Amino acid sequence: MHQLDVDFLDEHIATFILSLQREDGTEFEPKSIRAIISSLDRKLKRHKYPFSIMNEKGPQFSLTRATMLKRKA
């Protein structure tokens, strides 16, 4: 995961977020999704990935952040 291009990884994480649901078909709480993304972010940080999923101010991971905002609504 830490060797993937940022745009490719952004698209896959956003798709993953959209597909998340419990076995009974209900959606996860936004806090649970945030915890999953934070875990991914920590893994990337350990491998010295040059961008952060949640703390980036530029275009990196903008699709993932936008998808998370949509899931909160």
PDB file of N, CA and C in Angstrom:
ATOM      1  N   MET A   1       0.826  -1.186   0.000  1.00  0.00           N
ATOM      2  CA  MET A   1       0.000   0.000   0.000  1.00  0.00           C
ATOM      3  C   MET A   1       0.876   1.258   0.000  1.00  0.00           C
ATOM      4  N   HIS A   2       1.950   1.260   0.751  1.00  0.00           N
ATOM      5  CA  HIS A   2       2.800   2.442   0.869  1.00  0.00           C
ATOM      6  C   HIS A   2       3.639   2.711  -0.381  1.00  0.00           C
ATOM      7  N   GLN A   3       3.601   1.798  -1.349  1.00  0.00           N
ATOM      8  CA  GLN A   3       4.357   1.985  -2.580  1.00  0.00           C
ATOM      9  C   GLN A   3       3.464   2.443  -3.744  1.00  0.00           C
ATOM     10  N   LEU A   4       2.174   2.609  -3.481  1.00  0.00           N
ATOM     11  CA  LEU A   4       1.232   3.009  -4.527  1.00  0.00           C
ATOM     12  C   LEU A   4       1.254   4.524  -4.742  1.00  0.00           C
ATOM     13  N   ASP A   5       0.940   4.924  -5.952  1.00  0.00           N
ATOM     14  CA  ASP A   5       0.803   6.331  -6.293  1.00  0.00           C
ATOM     15  C   ASP A   5      -0.344   6.931  -5.480  1.00  0.00           C
ATOM     16  N   VAL A   6      -0.193   8.170  -5.043  1.00  0.00           N
ATOM     17  CA  VAL A   6      -1.179   8.811  -4.175  1.00  0.00           C
ATOM     18  C   VAL A   6      -2.562   8.888  -4.825  1.00  0.00           C
ATOM     19  N   ASP A   7      -2.642   9.187  -6.122  1.00  0.00           N
ATOM     20  CA  ASP A   7      -3.950   9.281  -6.777  1.00  0.00           C
ATOM     21  C   ASP A   7      -4.639   7.926  -6.860  1.00  0.00           C
ATOM     22  N   PHE A   8      -3.881   6.894  -7.150  1.00  0.00           N
ATOM     23  CA  PHE A   8      -4.412   5.529  -7.217  1.00  0.00           C
ATOM     24  C   PHE A   8      -4.915   5.094  -5.841  1.00  0.00           C
ATOM     25  N   LEU A   9      -4.111   5.350  -4.822  1.00  0.00           N
ATOM     26  CA  LEU A   9      -4.481   4.977  -3.454  1.00  0.00           C
ATOM     27  C   LEU A   9      -5.703   5.773  -2.988  1.00  0.00           C
ATOM     28  N   ASP A  10      -5.756   7.042  -3.321  1.00  0.00           N
ATOM     29  CA  ASP A  10      -6.894   7.899  -2.964  1.00  0.00           C
ATOM     30  C   ASP A  10      -8.193   7.323  -3.527  1.00  0.00           C
ATOM     31  N   GLU A  11      -8.167   6.944  -4.785  1.00  0.00           N
ATOM     32  CA  GLU A  11      -9.359   6.388  -5.431  1.00  0.00           C
ATOM     33  C   GLU A  11      -9.803   5.085  -4.760  1.00  0.00           C
ATOM     34  N   HIS A  12      -8.861   4.239  -4.427  1.00  0.00           N
ATOM     35  CA  HIS A  12      -9.212   2.951  -3.815  1.00  0.00           C
ATOM     36  C   HIS A  12      -9.725   3.109  -2.386  1.00  0.00           C
ATOM     37  N   ILE A  13      -9.143   4.016  -1.636  1.00  0.00           N
ATOM     38  CA  ILE A  13      -9.624   4.231  -0.268  1.00  0.00           C
ATOM     39  C   ILE A  13     -11.027   4.835  -0.298  1.00  0.00           C
ATOM     40  N   ALA A  14     -11.268   5.777  -1.203  1.00  0.00           N
ATOM     41  CA  ALA A  14     -12.605   6.379  -1.323  1.00  0.00           C
ATOM     42  C   ALA A  14     -13.641   5.326  -1.699  1.00  0.00           C
ATOM     43  N   THR A  15     -13.296   4.446  -2.623  1.00  0.00           N
ATOM     44  CA  THR A  15     -14.206   3.364  -3.016  1.00  0.00           C
ATOM     45  C   THR A  15     -14.466   2.431  -1.839  1.00  0.00           C
ATOM     46  N   PHE A  16     -13.425   2.147  -1.079  1.00  0.00           N
ATOM     47  CA  PHE A  16     -13.555   1.303   0.110  1.00  0.00           C
ATOM     48  C   PHE A  16     -14.525   1.934   1.113  1.00  0.00           C
ATOM     49  N   ILE A  17     -14.392   3.223   1.344  1.00  0.00           N
ATOM     50  CA  ILE A  17     -15.273   3.918   2.287  1.00  0.00           C
ATOM     51  C   ILE A  17     -16.729   3.817   1.844  1.00  0.00           C
ATOM     52  N   LEU A  18     -16.970   3.993   0.557  1.00  0.00           N
ATOM     53  CA  LEU A  18     -18.342   3.910   0.041  1.00  0.00           C
ATOM     54  C   LEU A  18     -18.928   2.509   0.177  1.00  0.00           C
ATOM     55  N   SER A  19     -18.068   1.496   0.146  1.00  0.00           N
ATOM     56  CA  SER A  19     -18.561   0.120   0.203  1.00  0.00           C
ATOM     57  C   SER A  19     -18.733  -0.394   1.634  1.00  0.00           C
ATOM     58  N   LEU A  20     -18.263   0.353   2.619  1.00  0.00           N
ATOM     59  CA  LEU A  20     -18.332  -0.106   4.003  1.00  0.00           C
ATOM     60  C   LEU A  20     -19.771  -0.196   4.505  1.00  0.00           C
ATOM     61  N   GLN A  21     -20.126  -1.349   5.009  1.00  0.00           N
ATOM     62  CA  GLN A  21     -21.385  -1.513   5.718  1.00  0.00           C
ATOM     63  C   GLN A  21     -21.301  -2.768   6.568  1.00  0.00           C
ATOM     64  N   ARG A  22     -22.133  -2.791   7.583  1.00  0.00           N
ATOM     65  CA  ARG A  22     -22.149  -3.950   8.482  1.00  0.00           C
ATOM     66  C   ARG A  22     -22.805  -5.135   7.786  1.00  0.00           C
ATOM     67  N   GLU A  23     -22.672  -6.301   8.403  1.00  0.00           N
ATOM     68  CA  GLU A  23     -23.266  -7.517   7.837  1.00  0.00           C
ATOM     69  C   GLU A  23     -24.777  -7.407   7.684  1.00  0.00           C
ATOM     70  N   ASP A  24     -25.410  -6.635   8.566  1.00  0.00           N
ATOM     71  CA  ASP A  24     -26.871  -6.494   8.473  1.00  0.00           C
ATOM     72  C   ASP A  24     -27.293  -5.401   7.478  1.00  0.00           C
ATOM     73  N   GLY A  25     -26.316  -4.792   6.789  1.00  0.00           N
ATOM     74  CA  GLY A  25     -26.613  -3.804   5.762  1.00  0.00           C
ATOM     75  C   GLY A  25     -26.633  -2.364   6.244  1.00  0.00           C
ATOM     76  N   THR A  26     -26.536  -2.139   7.541  1.00  0.00           N
ATOM     77  CA  THR A  26     -26.519  -0.773   8.057  1.00  0.00           C
ATOM     78  C   THR A  26     -25.130  -0.167   7.886  1.00  0.00           C
ATOM     79  N   GLU A  27     -25.093   1.160   7.894  1.00  0.00           N
ATOM     80  CA  GLU A  27     -23.827   1.859   7.707  1.00  0.00           C
ATOM     81  C   GLU A  27     -23.073   1.978   9.028  1.00  0.00           C
ATOM     82  N   PHE A  28     -21.754   2.071   8.911  1.00  0.00           N
ATOM     83  CA  PHE A  28     -20.919   2.324  10.074  1.00  0.00           C
ATOM     84  C   PHE A  28     -21.073   3.775  10.511  1.00  0.00           C
ATOM     85  N   GLU A  29     -20.822   4.024  11.779  1.00  0.00           N
ATOM     86  CA  GLU A  29     -20.806   5.384  12.297  1.00  0.00           C
ATOM     87  C   GLU A  29     -19.608   6.120  11.697  1.00  0.00           C
ATOM     88  N   PRO A  30     -19.724   7.427  11.478  1.00  0.00           N
ATOM     89  CA  PRO A  30     -18.585   8.191  10.952  1.00  0.00           C
ATOM     90  C   PRO A  30     -17.325   8.037  11.807  1.00  0.00           C
ATOM     91  N   LYS A  31     -17.518   7.892  13.117  1.00  0.00           N
ATOM     92  CA  LYS A  31     -16.381   7.728  14.024  1.00  0.00           C
ATOM     93  C   LYS A  31     -15.642   6.418  13.739  1.00  0.00           C
ATOM     94  N   SER A  32     -16.356   5.374  13.400  1.00  0.00           N
ATOM     95  CA  SER A  32     -15.741   4.088  13.074  1.00  0.00           C
ATOM     96  C   SER A  32     -14.962   4.171  11.760  1.00  0.00           C
ATOM     97  N   ILE A  33     -15.530   4.871  10.792  1.00  0.00           N
ATOM     98  CA  ILE A  33     -14.839   5.041   9.509  1.00  0.00           C
ATOM     99  C   ILE A  33     -13.566   5.850   9.728  1.00  0.00           C
ATOM    100  N   ARG A  34     -13.660   6.882  10.531  1.00  0.00           N
ATOM    101  CA  ARG A  34     -12.491   7.711  10.853  1.00  0.00           C
ATOM    102  C   ARG A  34     -11.405   6.859  11.509  1.00  0.00           C
ATOM    103  N   ALA A  35     -11.775   5.945  12.379  1.00  0.00           N
ATOM    104  CA  ALA A  35     -10.795   5.075  13.039  1.00  0.00           C
ATOM    105  C   ALA A  35     -10.094   4.163  12.027  1.00  0.00           C
ATOM    106  N   ILE A  36     -10.844   3.654  11.074  1.00  0.00           N
ATOM    107  CA  ILE A  36     -10.256   2.794  10.034  1.00  0.00           C
ATOM    108  C   ILE A  36      -9.258   3.598   9.202  1.00  0.00           C
ATOM    109  N   ILE A  37      -9.646   4.793   8.792  1.00  0.00           N
ATOM    110  CA  ILE A  37      -8.776   5.642   7.979  1.00  0.00           C
ATOM    111  C   ILE A  37      -7.546   6.066   8.774  1.00  0.00           C
ATOM    112  N   SER A  38      -7.713   6.330  10.059  1.00  0.00           N
ATOM    113  CA  SER A  38      -6.575   6.679  10.901  1.00  0.00           C
ATOM    114  C   SER A  38      -5.580   5.531  10.992  1.00  0.00           C
ATOM    115  N   SER A  39      -6.085   4.309  11.033  1.00  0.00           N
ATOM    116  CA  SER A  39      -5.203   3.138  11.042  1.00  0.00           C
ATOM    117  C   SER A  39      -4.399   3.045   9.748  1.00  0.00           C
ATOM    118  N   LEU A  40      -5.068   3.284   8.626  1.00  0.00           N
ATOM    119  CA  LEU A  40      -4.364   3.293   7.338  1.00  0.00           C
ATOM    120  C   LEU A  40      -3.314   4.399   7.311  1.00  0.00           C
ATOM    121  N   ASP A  41      -3.673   5.560   7.839  1.00  0.00           N
ATOM    122  CA  ASP A  41      -2.760   6.694   7.872  1.00  0.00           C
ATOM    123  C   ASP A  41      -1.508   6.376   8.699  1.00  0.00           C
ATOM    124  N   ARG A  42      -1.706   5.721   9.854  1.00  0.00           N
ATOM    125  CA  ARG A  42      -0.563   5.339  10.691  1.00  0.00           C
ATOM    126  C   ARG A  42       0.359   4.369   9.966  1.00  0.00           C
ATOM    127  N   LYS A  43      -0.225   3.420   9.257  1.00  0.00           N
ATOM    128  CA  LYS A  43       0.587   2.454   8.507  1.00  0.00           C
ATOM    129  C   LYS A  43       1.413   3.168   7.436  1.00  0.00           C
ATOM    130  N   LEU A  44       0.782   4.095   6.727  1.00  0.00           N
ATOM    131  CA  LEU A  44       1.505   4.854   5.713  1.00  0.00           C
ATOM    132  C   LEU A  44       2.628   5.677   6.342  1.00  0.00           C
ATOM    133  N   LYS A  45       2.347   6.279   7.486  1.00  0.00           N
ATOM    134  CA  LYS A  45       3.347   7.099   8.168  1.00  0.00           C
ATOM    135  C   LYS A  45       4.551   6.256   8.592  1.00  0.00           C
ATOM    136  N   ARG A  46       4.289   5.040   9.092  1.00  0.00           N
ATOM    137  CA  ARG A  46       5.384   4.143   9.489  1.00  0.00           C
ATOM    138  C   ARG A  46       6.315   3.827   8.329  1.00  0.00           C
ATOM    139  N   HIS A  47       5.758   3.801   7.133  1.00  0.00           N
ATOM    140  CA  HIS A  47       6.560   3.494   5.944  1.00  0.00           C
ATOM    141  C   HIS A  47       7.037   4.764   5.234  1.00  0.00           C
ATOM    142  N   LYS A  48       6.931   5.898   5.950  1.00  0.00           N
ATOM    143  CA  LYS A  48       7.399   7.190   5.453  1.00  0.00           C
ATOM    144  C   LYS A  48       6.742   7.619   4.132  1.00  0.00           C
ATOM    145  N   TYR A  49       5.449   7.338   4.026  1.00  0.00           N
ATOM    146  CA  TYR A  49       4.692   7.783   2.862  1.00  0.00           C
ATOM    147  C   TYR A  49       4.669   9.309   2.877  1.00  0.00           C
ATOM    148  N   PRO A  50       4.875   9.961   1.736  1.00  0.00           N
ATOM    149  CA  PRO A  50       5.032  11.417   1.740  1.00  0.00           C
ATOM    150  C   PRO A  50       3.754  12.223   2.004  1.00  0.00           C
ATOM    151  N   PHE A  51       2.588  11.591   2.055  1.00  0.00           N
ATOM    152  CA  PHE A  51       1.330  12.310   2.255  1.00  0.00           C
ATOM    153  C   PHE A  51       0.514  11.659   3.362  1.00  0.00           C
ATOM    154  N   SER A  52      -0.306  12.480   4.005  1.00  0.00           N
ATOM    155  CA  SER A  52      -1.211  11.999   5.038  1.00  0.00           C
ATOM    156  C   SER A  52      -2.632  12.005   4.483  1.00  0.00           C
ATOM    157  N   ILE A  53      -3.414  10.999   4.823  1.00  0.00           N
ATOM    158  CA  ILE A  53      -4.780  10.923   4.318  1.00  0.00           C
ATOM    159  C   ILE A  53      -5.631  12.063   4.884  1.00  0.00           C
ATOM    160  N   MET A  54      -5.559  12.264   6.176  1.00  0.00           N
ATOM    161  CA  MET A  54      -6.457  13.230   6.805  1.00  0.00           C
ATOM    162  C   MET A  54      -5.842  14.603   7.051  1.00  0.00           C
ATOM    163  N   ASN A  55      -4.537  14.720   7.068  1.00  0.00           N
ATOM    164  CA  ASN A  55      -3.910  15.994   7.429  1.00  0.00           C
ATOM    165  C   ASN A  55      -3.379  16.779   6.241  1.00  0.00           C
ATOM    166  N   GLU A  56      -3.614  16.312   5.047  1.00  0.00           N
ATOM    167  CA  GLU A  56      -3.139  16.984   3.836  1.00  0.00           C
ATOM    168  C   GLU A  56      -4.032  18.181   3.544  1.00  0.00           C
ATOM    169  N   LYS A  57      -3.430  19.286   3.149  1.00  0.00           N
ATOM    170  CA  LYS A  57      -4.198  20.487   2.789  1.00  0.00           C
ATOM    171  C   LYS A  57      -4.331  20.614   1.275  1.00  0.00           C
ATOM    172  N   GLY A  58      -3.502  19.930   0.531  1.00  0.00           N
ATOM    173  CA  GLY A  58      -3.511  20.025  -0.924  1.00  0.00           C
ATOM    174  C   GLY A  58      -4.439  19.004  -1.555  1.00  0.00           C
ATOM    175  N   PRO A  59      -4.218  18.729  -2.823  1.00  0.00           N
ATOM    176  CA  PRO A  59      -5.101  17.817  -3.565  1.00  0.00           C
ATOM    177  C   PRO A  59      -4.911  16.340  -3.231  1.00  0.00           C
ATOM    178  N   GLN A  60      -3.845  16.010  -2.510  1.00  0.00           N
ATOM    179  CA  GLN A  60      -3.606  14.606  -2.175  1.00  0.00           C
ATOM    180  C   GLN A  60      -4.699  14.110  -1.218  1.00  0.00           C
ATOM    181  N   PHE A  61      -5.303  12.998  -1.580  1.00  0.00           N
ATOM    182  CA  PHE A  61      -6.374  12.351  -0.807  1.00  0.00           C
ATOM    183  C   PHE A  61      -7.627  13.216  -0.687  1.00  0.00           C
ATOM    184  N   SER A  62      -7.824  14.143  -1.604  1.00  0.00           N
ATOM    185  CA  SER A  62      -9.031  14.988  -1.551  1.00  0.00           C
ATOM    186  C   SER A  62     -10.298  14.166  -1.808  1.00  0.00           C
ATOM    187  N   LEU A  63     -10.211  13.161  -2.654  1.00  0.00           N
ATOM    188  CA  LEU A  63     -11.369  12.308  -2.926  1.00  0.00           C
ATOM    189  C   LEU A  63     -11.765  11.518  -1.668  1.00  0.00           C
ATOM    190  N   THR A  64     -10.789  11.019  -0.952  1.00  0.00           N
ATOM    191  CA  THR A  64     -11.059  10.284   0.294  1.00  0.00           C
ATOM    192  C   THR A  64     -11.710  11.207   1.317  1.00  0.00           C
ATOM    193  N   ARG A  65     -11.172  12.409   1.488  1.00  0.00           N
ATOM    194  CA  ARG A  65     -11.754  13.344   2.461  1.00  0.00           C
ATOM    195  C   ARG A  65     -13.175  13.740   2.066  1.00  0.00           C
ATOM    196  N   ALA A  66     -13.411  13.974   0.785  1.00  0.00           N
ATOM    197  CA  ALA A  66     -14.761  14.330   0.315  1.00  0.00           C
ATOM    198  C   ALA A  66     -15.735  13.175   0.535  1.00  0.00           C
ATOM    199  N   THR A  67     -15.276  11.965   0.315  1.00  0.00           N
ATOM    200  CA  THR A  67     -16.130  10.787   0.514  1.00  0.00           C
ATOM    201  C   THR A  67     -16.485  10.628   1.981  1.00  0.00           C
ATOM    202  N   MET A  68     -15.527  10.880   2.853  1.00  0.00           N
ATOM    203  CA  MET A  68     -15.812  10.792   4.293  1.00  0.00           C
ATOM    204  C   MET A  68     -16.846  11.827   4.697  1.00  0.00           C
ATOM    205  N   LEU A  69     -16.760  13.022   4.134  1.00  0.00           N
ATOM    206  CA  LEU A  69     -17.758  14.060   4.446  1.00  0.00           C
ATOM    207  C   LEU A  69     -19.145  13.661   3.969  1.00  0.00           C
ATOM    208  N   LYS A  70     -19.229  13.025   2.817  1.00  0.00           N
ATOM    209  CA  LYS A  70     -20.517  12.560   2.296  1.00  0.00           C
ATOM    210  C   LYS A  70     -21.126  11.489   3.199  1.00  0.00           C
ATOM    211  N   ARG A  71     -20.275  10.628   3.741  1.00  0.00           N
ATOM    212  CA  ARG A  71     -20.777   9.560   4.618  1.00  0.00           C
ATOM    213  C   ARG A  71     -21.296  10.120   5.942  1.00  0.00           C
ATOM    214  N   LYS A  72     -20.821  11.283   6.350  1.00  0.00           N
ATOM    215  CA  LYS A  72     -21.299  11.901   7.578  1.00  0.00           C
ATOM    216  C   LYS A  72     -22.702  12.471   7.422  1.00  0.00           C
ATOM    217  N   ALA A  73     -23.025  12.886   6.204  1.00  0.00           N
ATOM    218  CA  ALA A  73     -24.316  13.542   5.954  1.00  0.00           C
ATOM    219  C   ALA A  73     -25.480  12.595   6.038  1.00  0.00           C
TER     220      ALA A  73
END
